[in-house]
N, C-alpha and C. Protein backbone atom coordinates (compact mmCIF):
# COMPACT_ATOMS: atom_id res chain seq x y z
N UNK A 1 -28.35 -8.27 -35.82
CA UNK A 1 -28.57 -7.91 -34.76
C UNK A 1 -28.20 -8.79 -33.55
N UNK A 2 -28.27 -10.19 -33.88
CA UNK A 2 -27.95 -11.14 -32.86
C UNK A 2 -26.47 -11.10 -32.60
N UNK A 3 -25.38 -10.85 -33.40
CA UNK A 3 -24.27 -10.49 -33.55
C UNK A 3 -24.06 -9.45 -32.54
N UNK A 4 -24.69 -8.27 -32.76
CA UNK A 4 -24.37 -7.04 -31.94
C UNK A 4 -24.67 -7.41 -30.45
N UNK A 5 -25.72 -8.01 -30.24
CA UNK A 5 -26.22 -8.35 -28.73
C UNK A 5 -25.20 -9.39 -28.23
N UNK A 6 -24.71 -10.34 -29.02
CA UNK A 6 -23.89 -11.19 -28.40
C UNK A 6 -22.45 -10.42 -28.01
N UNK A 7 -22.03 -9.51 -28.82
CA UNK A 7 -20.71 -8.63 -28.64
C UNK A 7 -21.10 -7.89 -27.40
N UNK A 8 -22.00 -7.25 -27.21
CA UNK A 8 -22.28 -6.39 -26.06
C UNK A 8 -22.40 -7.17 -24.83
N UNK A 9 -23.08 -8.42 -25.00
CA UNK A 9 -23.07 -9.12 -23.59
C UNK A 9 -21.60 -9.84 -23.35
N UNK A 10 -20.95 -10.10 -24.32
CA UNK A 10 -19.54 -10.53 -24.06
C UNK A 10 -18.64 -9.40 -23.45
N UNK A 11 -18.72 -8.19 -23.93
CA UNK A 11 -17.98 -7.26 -23.50
C UNK A 11 -18.43 -6.92 -22.09
N UNK A 12 -19.69 -6.95 -21.81
CA UNK A 12 -20.15 -6.76 -20.21
C UNK A 12 -19.77 -7.90 -19.53
N UNK A 13 -19.55 -9.15 -19.84
CA UNK A 13 -19.15 -10.18 -18.91
C UNK A 13 -17.62 -9.90 -18.83
N UNK A 14 -16.99 -9.50 -20.00
CA UNK A 14 -15.33 -9.34 -19.71
C UNK A 14 -15.21 -8.00 -18.67
N UNK A 15 -15.94 -7.07 -18.84
CA UNK A 15 -15.83 -6.15 -17.97
C UNK A 15 -16.10 -6.31 -16.68
N UNK A 16 -17.10 -7.18 -16.45
CA UNK A 16 -17.37 -7.54 -15.10
C UNK A 16 -16.09 -8.42 -14.44
N UNK A 17 -15.59 -9.16 -15.37
CA UNK A 17 -14.64 -9.97 -15.01
C UNK A 17 -13.42 -9.26 -14.56
N UNK A 18 -13.04 -8.45 -15.23
CA UNK A 18 -12.01 -7.43 -15.21
C UNK A 18 -12.15 -6.62 -13.69
N UNK A 19 -13.38 -6.20 -13.62
CA UNK A 19 -13.76 -5.58 -12.37
C UNK A 19 -13.59 -6.43 -11.11
N UNK A 20 -14.06 -7.68 -11.30
CA UNK A 20 -13.84 -8.60 -10.13
C UNK A 20 -12.61 -8.75 -9.85
N UNK A 21 -11.55 -8.83 -10.96
CA UNK A 21 -10.27 -9.20 -10.60
C UNK A 21 -9.50 -7.89 -10.07
N UNK A 22 -9.95 -6.71 -10.51
CA UNK A 22 -9.42 -5.65 -9.71
C UNK A 22 -9.64 -5.28 -8.36
N UNK A 23 -11.05 -5.75 -8.06
CA UNK A 23 -11.43 -5.77 -6.54
C UNK A 23 -10.50 -6.78 -5.78
N UNK A 24 -10.47 -7.87 -6.30
CA UNK A 24 -9.77 -9.19 -5.64
C UNK A 24 -8.20 -8.65 -5.52
N UNK A 25 -7.72 -8.02 -6.40
CA UNK A 25 -6.37 -7.58 -6.19
C UNK A 25 -6.43 -6.53 -5.07
N UNK A 26 -7.30 -5.58 -5.11
CA UNK A 26 -7.40 -4.69 -4.01
C UNK A 26 -7.59 -5.15 -2.71
N UNK A 27 -8.41 -6.09 -2.59
CA UNK A 27 -8.59 -6.89 -1.15
C UNK A 27 -7.34 -7.37 -0.69
N UNK A 28 -6.60 -8.40 -1.69
CA UNK A 28 -5.35 -8.89 -1.16
C UNK A 28 -4.34 -7.80 -0.92
N UNK A 29 -4.28 -6.70 -1.70
CA UNK A 29 -3.32 -5.72 -1.38
C UNK A 29 -3.51 -4.91 -0.19
N UNK A 30 -4.86 -4.86 0.23
CA UNK A 30 -5.29 -4.32 1.61
C UNK A 30 -4.74 -5.30 2.72
N UNK A 31 -4.68 -6.67 2.38
CA UNK A 31 -4.40 -7.43 3.53
C UNK A 31 -2.67 -7.36 3.46
N UNK A 32 -2.16 -7.23 2.40
CA UNK A 32 -0.66 -7.06 2.59
C UNK A 32 -0.18 -5.78 3.25
N UNK A 33 -0.88 -4.74 3.17
CA UNK A 33 -0.69 -3.58 3.79
C UNK A 33 -0.93 -3.77 5.30
N UNK A 34 -1.97 -4.37 5.63
CA UNK A 34 -2.41 -4.54 6.95
C UNK A 34 -1.10 -5.57 7.68
N UNK A 35 -0.75 -6.51 6.75
CA UNK A 35 0.29 -7.49 7.44
C UNK A 35 1.67 -6.73 7.64
N UNK A 36 1.96 -5.88 6.80
CA UNK A 36 3.29 -5.23 6.95
C UNK A 36 3.07 -4.19 8.18
N UNK A 37 1.82 -3.49 8.30
CA UNK A 37 1.60 -2.75 9.57
C UNK A 37 1.68 -3.53 10.82
N UNK A 38 0.93 -4.73 10.95
CA UNK A 38 1.13 -5.47 12.07
C UNK A 38 2.49 -6.00 12.32
N UNK A 39 3.37 -6.28 11.32
CA UNK A 39 4.70 -6.76 11.52
C UNK A 39 5.43 -5.39 12.11
N UNK A 40 5.15 -4.24 11.60
CA UNK A 40 5.90 -3.20 12.15
C UNK A 40 5.66 -2.92 13.75
N UNK A 41 4.43 -3.04 13.85
CA UNK A 41 3.99 -2.96 15.48
C UNK A 41 4.54 -4.17 16.30
N UNK A 42 4.62 -5.19 15.75
CA UNK A 42 5.24 -6.32 16.35
C UNK A 42 6.67 -6.38 16.62
N UNK A 43 7.34 -5.89 15.52
CA UNK A 43 8.91 -5.61 15.52
C UNK A 43 9.11 -4.58 16.41
N UNK A 44 8.55 -3.43 16.54
CA UNK A 44 8.84 -2.54 17.50
C UNK A 44 10.22 -1.90 17.45
N UNK A 45 10.83 -1.83 16.12
CA UNK A 45 12.27 -1.82 15.84
C UNK A 45 12.51 -0.31 15.38
N UNK A 46 13.47 0.25 16.23
CA UNK A 46 13.72 1.59 15.75
C UNK A 46 14.29 1.66 14.30
N UNK A 47 13.87 2.67 13.50
CA UNK A 47 14.60 2.81 12.24
C UNK A 47 13.94 1.89 11.18
N UNK A 48 12.90 1.16 11.45
CA UNK A 48 12.33 -0.04 10.54
C UNK A 48 11.10 0.64 9.65
N UNK A 49 10.60 1.89 10.18
CA UNK A 49 9.44 2.47 9.59
C UNK A 49 9.48 2.49 8.23
N UNK A 50 10.58 2.84 7.52
CA UNK A 50 10.51 3.04 6.12
C UNK A 50 10.55 1.68 5.39
N UNK A 51 11.14 0.73 5.89
CA UNK A 51 11.13 -0.55 5.47
C UNK A 51 9.68 -1.13 5.39
N UNK A 52 9.06 -0.97 6.49
CA UNK A 52 7.71 -1.73 6.38
C UNK A 52 6.71 -0.78 5.56
N UNK A 53 7.06 0.43 5.43
CA UNK A 53 6.26 1.29 4.31
C UNK A 53 6.48 0.65 2.96
N UNK A 54 7.74 0.43 2.50
CA UNK A 54 8.29 0.04 1.35
C UNK A 54 7.66 -1.46 1.21
N UNK A 55 7.74 -2.25 2.18
CA UNK A 55 7.45 -3.75 1.92
C UNK A 55 5.90 -3.78 1.58
N UNK A 56 5.30 -3.13 2.56
CA UNK A 56 3.61 -3.32 2.32
C UNK A 56 3.23 -2.79 0.81
N UNK A 57 3.76 -1.71 0.44
CA UNK A 57 3.40 -1.19 -1.05
C UNK A 57 3.80 -2.22 -1.96
N UNK A 58 5.18 -2.87 -1.80
CA UNK A 58 5.79 -3.64 -2.61
C UNK A 58 4.93 -5.02 -2.88
N UNK A 59 4.42 -5.51 -1.59
CA UNK A 59 3.70 -6.58 -1.57
C UNK A 59 2.45 -6.44 -2.34
N UNK A 60 1.85 -5.35 -1.99
CA UNK A 60 0.30 -5.05 -2.38
C UNK A 60 0.46 -4.89 -4.00
N UNK A 61 1.56 -4.15 -4.39
CA UNK A 61 1.57 -3.94 -6.03
C UNK A 61 1.87 -5.03 -6.81
N UNK A 62 2.61 -6.05 -6.08
CA UNK A 62 2.68 -7.24 -6.91
C UNK A 62 1.30 -7.90 -7.20
N UNK A 63 0.46 -7.59 -6.42
CA UNK A 63 -0.81 -8.24 -6.73
C UNK A 63 -1.48 -7.78 -8.10
N UNK A 64 -1.18 -6.59 -8.69
CA UNK A 64 -1.70 -6.22 -9.89
C UNK A 64 -2.08 -4.71 -9.62
N UNK A 65 -2.61 -4.35 -10.69
CA UNK A 65 -3.30 -2.79 -10.67
C UNK A 65 -4.17 -2.46 -9.38
N UNK A 66 -5.00 -3.55 -9.03
CA UNK A 66 -5.83 -3.44 -7.83
C UNK A 66 -5.12 -3.25 -6.57
N UNK A 67 -4.05 -3.97 -6.40
CA UNK A 67 -3.21 -4.07 -5.26
C UNK A 67 -2.51 -2.70 -5.15
N UNK A 68 -1.67 -2.15 -6.44
CA UNK A 68 -1.08 -0.86 -6.26
C UNK A 68 -2.19 0.23 -6.05
N UNK A 69 -3.20 0.19 -6.47
CA UNK A 69 -4.44 1.22 -6.18
C UNK A 69 -4.58 1.14 -4.61
N UNK A 70 -4.58 -0.01 -4.03
CA UNK A 70 -5.06 -0.06 -2.61
C UNK A 70 -3.86 0.41 -1.94
N UNK A 71 -2.69 -0.05 -2.12
CA UNK A 71 -1.60 0.68 -1.55
C UNK A 71 -1.51 2.16 -1.64
N UNK A 72 -1.62 2.78 -2.69
CA UNK A 72 -1.57 4.25 -2.88
C UNK A 72 -2.66 4.77 -2.01
N UNK A 73 -3.99 4.46 -1.89
CA UNK A 73 -5.08 4.89 -1.36
C UNK A 73 -4.80 4.77 0.20
N UNK A 74 -4.32 3.67 0.68
CA UNK A 74 -4.04 3.42 2.04
C UNK A 74 -2.81 4.31 2.62
N UNK A 75 -1.86 4.32 1.79
CA UNK A 75 -0.72 5.13 2.20
C UNK A 75 -1.07 6.65 2.11
N UNK A 76 -1.65 7.01 1.15
CA UNK A 76 -1.97 8.50 1.17
C UNK A 76 -2.80 8.96 2.23
N UNK A 77 -3.85 7.99 2.65
CA UNK A 77 -4.84 8.22 3.65
C UNK A 77 -4.01 8.08 5.09
N UNK A 78 -3.13 7.27 5.25
CA UNK A 78 -2.40 7.16 6.53
C UNK A 78 -1.64 8.52 6.71
N UNK A 79 -0.95 8.99 5.57
CA UNK A 79 -0.15 10.22 5.84
C UNK A 79 -1.09 11.51 6.15
N UNK A 80 -2.17 11.50 5.31
CA UNK A 80 -3.07 12.86 5.44
C UNK A 80 -3.81 12.80 6.72
N UNK A 81 -4.12 11.53 7.38
CA UNK A 81 -4.68 11.51 8.90
C UNK A 81 -3.58 11.97 9.82
N UNK A 82 -2.41 11.51 9.57
CA UNK A 82 -1.36 11.87 10.40
C UNK A 82 -1.32 13.48 10.50
N UNK A 83 -1.12 13.87 9.28
CA UNK A 83 -0.95 15.37 8.94
C UNK A 83 -2.03 16.05 9.61
N UNK A 84 -3.45 15.66 9.74
CA UNK A 84 -4.40 16.24 10.02
C UNK A 84 -4.52 16.28 11.62
N UNK A 85 -4.17 15.10 12.26
CA UNK A 85 -4.17 14.95 13.57
C UNK A 85 -3.01 15.78 14.38
N UNK A 86 -1.90 15.86 13.61
CA UNK A 86 -0.93 16.67 14.20
C UNK A 86 -1.28 18.03 14.47
N UNK A 87 -2.01 18.61 13.55
CA UNK A 87 -2.36 19.92 13.82
C UNK A 87 -3.37 20.14 14.86
N UNK A 88 -4.03 19.04 15.28
CA UNK A 88 -5.00 19.35 16.43
C UNK A 88 -4.53 18.68 17.84
N UNK A 89 -3.41 17.78 17.72
CA UNK A 89 -3.16 17.19 18.93
C UNK A 89 -1.97 18.17 19.49
N UNK A 90 -2.17 18.08 21.01
CA UNK A 90 -1.23 18.97 21.82
C UNK A 90 0.25 18.13 21.61
N UNK A 91 1.03 18.88 21.05
CA UNK A 91 2.39 18.50 20.92
C UNK A 91 2.65 17.64 19.72
N UNK A 92 1.64 17.30 19.03
CA UNK A 92 1.82 16.39 17.73
C UNK A 92 2.49 15.09 17.90
N UNK A 93 2.67 14.29 16.76
CA UNK A 93 3.16 12.94 17.04
C UNK A 93 4.78 13.03 17.04
N UNK A 94 5.27 14.29 16.87
CA UNK A 94 6.72 14.19 16.80
C UNK A 94 7.19 14.03 15.52
N UNK A 95 6.40 13.73 14.43
CA UNK A 95 6.84 13.37 13.06
C UNK A 95 6.78 14.69 12.42
N UNK A 96 6.65 15.10 11.15
CA UNK A 96 6.82 16.35 10.80
C UNK A 96 6.65 16.09 9.04
N UNK A 97 6.63 17.32 8.37
CA UNK A 97 6.40 17.25 7.09
C UNK A 97 7.85 16.26 6.27
N UNK A 98 8.77 16.60 6.83
CA UNK A 98 10.05 15.75 6.13
C UNK A 98 9.82 14.51 6.41
N UNK A 99 9.33 13.75 7.60
CA UNK A 99 9.20 12.41 7.79
C UNK A 99 8.05 11.76 7.04
N UNK A 100 7.12 12.63 6.81
CA UNK A 100 5.91 12.15 5.92
C UNK A 100 6.43 12.10 4.46
N UNK A 101 7.25 12.91 4.06
CA UNK A 101 7.70 12.98 2.67
C UNK A 101 8.59 11.65 2.60
N UNK A 102 9.35 11.30 3.64
CA UNK A 102 10.23 10.22 3.52
C UNK A 102 9.43 8.94 3.56
N UNK A 103 8.33 8.85 4.23
CA UNK A 103 7.49 7.85 4.20
C UNK A 103 6.74 7.59 2.90
N UNK A 104 6.50 8.71 2.39
CA UNK A 104 5.84 8.71 0.87
C UNK A 104 6.81 8.14 -0.25
N UNK A 105 7.95 8.57 -0.09
CA UNK A 105 9.06 8.19 -0.83
C UNK A 105 9.18 6.60 -0.82
N UNK A 106 9.24 6.06 0.56
CA UNK A 106 9.45 4.66 0.72
C UNK A 106 8.13 3.96 0.26
N UNK A 107 7.00 4.47 0.39
CA UNK A 107 5.87 3.96 -0.21
C UNK A 107 5.88 3.91 -1.80
N UNK A 108 6.38 4.81 -2.38
CA UNK A 108 6.39 4.87 -3.82
C UNK A 108 7.38 3.84 -4.35
N UNK A 109 8.67 3.82 -3.44
CA UNK A 109 9.76 2.70 -4.00
C UNK A 109 9.09 1.49 -3.98
N UNK A 110 8.38 1.13 -3.01
CA UNK A 110 7.86 -0.45 -2.99
C UNK A 110 6.79 -0.33 -4.09
N UNK A 111 5.94 0.44 -4.22
CA UNK A 111 4.97 0.33 -5.35
C UNK A 111 5.58 0.06 -6.68
N UNK A 112 6.73 0.94 -7.00
CA UNK A 112 7.39 0.85 -8.05
C UNK A 112 7.98 -0.49 -8.43
N UNK A 113 7.89 -1.40 -7.36
CA UNK A 113 8.63 -2.78 -7.64
C UNK A 113 10.00 -2.89 -7.26
N UNK A 114 10.69 -1.57 -6.76
CA UNK A 114 12.00 -1.94 -6.08
C UNK A 114 12.02 -2.47 -4.97
N UNK A 115 13.07 -3.26 -4.62
CA UNK A 115 13.43 -3.90 -3.33
C UNK A 115 13.29 -3.30 -2.16
N UNK A 116 12.13 -3.70 -1.30
CA UNK A 116 11.91 -2.98 -0.20
C UNK A 116 13.14 -3.06 0.87
N UNK A 117 14.13 -4.00 0.73
CA UNK A 117 15.20 -4.40 1.64
C UNK A 117 16.24 -3.12 1.54
N UNK A 118 16.12 -2.27 0.50
CA UNK A 118 16.79 -0.84 0.56
C UNK A 118 16.70 -0.15 1.71
N UNK A 119 15.67 -0.11 2.42
CA UNK A 119 15.42 0.54 3.76
C UNK A 119 15.42 -0.46 4.85
N UNK A 120 15.93 -1.63 4.71
CA UNK A 120 15.87 -2.73 5.81
C UNK A 120 16.99 -2.11 6.86
N UNK A 121 16.62 -1.94 8.16
CA UNK A 121 17.68 -1.47 9.03
C UNK A 121 18.64 -2.66 9.50
N UNK A 122 19.81 -2.37 9.63
CA UNK A 122 20.70 -3.73 10.19
C UNK A 122 20.31 -4.01 11.59
N UNK A 123 20.08 -5.41 11.61
CA UNK A 123 19.81 -5.86 12.87
C UNK A 123 18.22 -6.36 12.96
N UNK A 124 17.52 -5.93 12.07
CA UNK A 124 16.06 -6.33 11.92
C UNK A 124 15.95 -7.70 11.97
N UNK A 125 15.10 -8.50 12.78
CA UNK A 125 15.16 -9.96 12.76
C UNK A 125 14.76 -10.42 11.44
N UNK A 126 15.27 -11.59 10.91
CA UNK A 126 15.00 -12.15 9.50
C UNK A 126 13.47 -12.46 9.40
N UNK A 127 12.78 -12.55 10.57
CA UNK A 127 11.47 -12.96 10.50
C UNK A 127 10.51 -11.83 9.57
N UNK A 128 11.11 -10.51 9.45
CA UNK A 128 10.29 -9.53 8.79
C UNK A 128 11.02 -9.47 7.47
């Protein structure tokens, strides 16, 4: 009985450890996504949107499964909110379904571990 209790206790501790690790990865991945967003706003560079989408997802996914999860949730939420607000705002954002699909493709590219520089526009400062 003591062996069984010890095994159950160890599995709970290890499970909690795994959950804490996942949550830490998710928190750091969220920070990576925010950093990419802030860099995109600061750069204000035409044609760099897809690069920053890919870079944020790439950096977050490098954190581990929690970071990849956070990147997917944030990316999907952003595109869904944009789609929703476009329906109710006068004139829309000027984006469209095609641009949203391209954003999601860049998100997936980054999350899959592919180099985000594939989307880097010529002339974007090296700072980014």
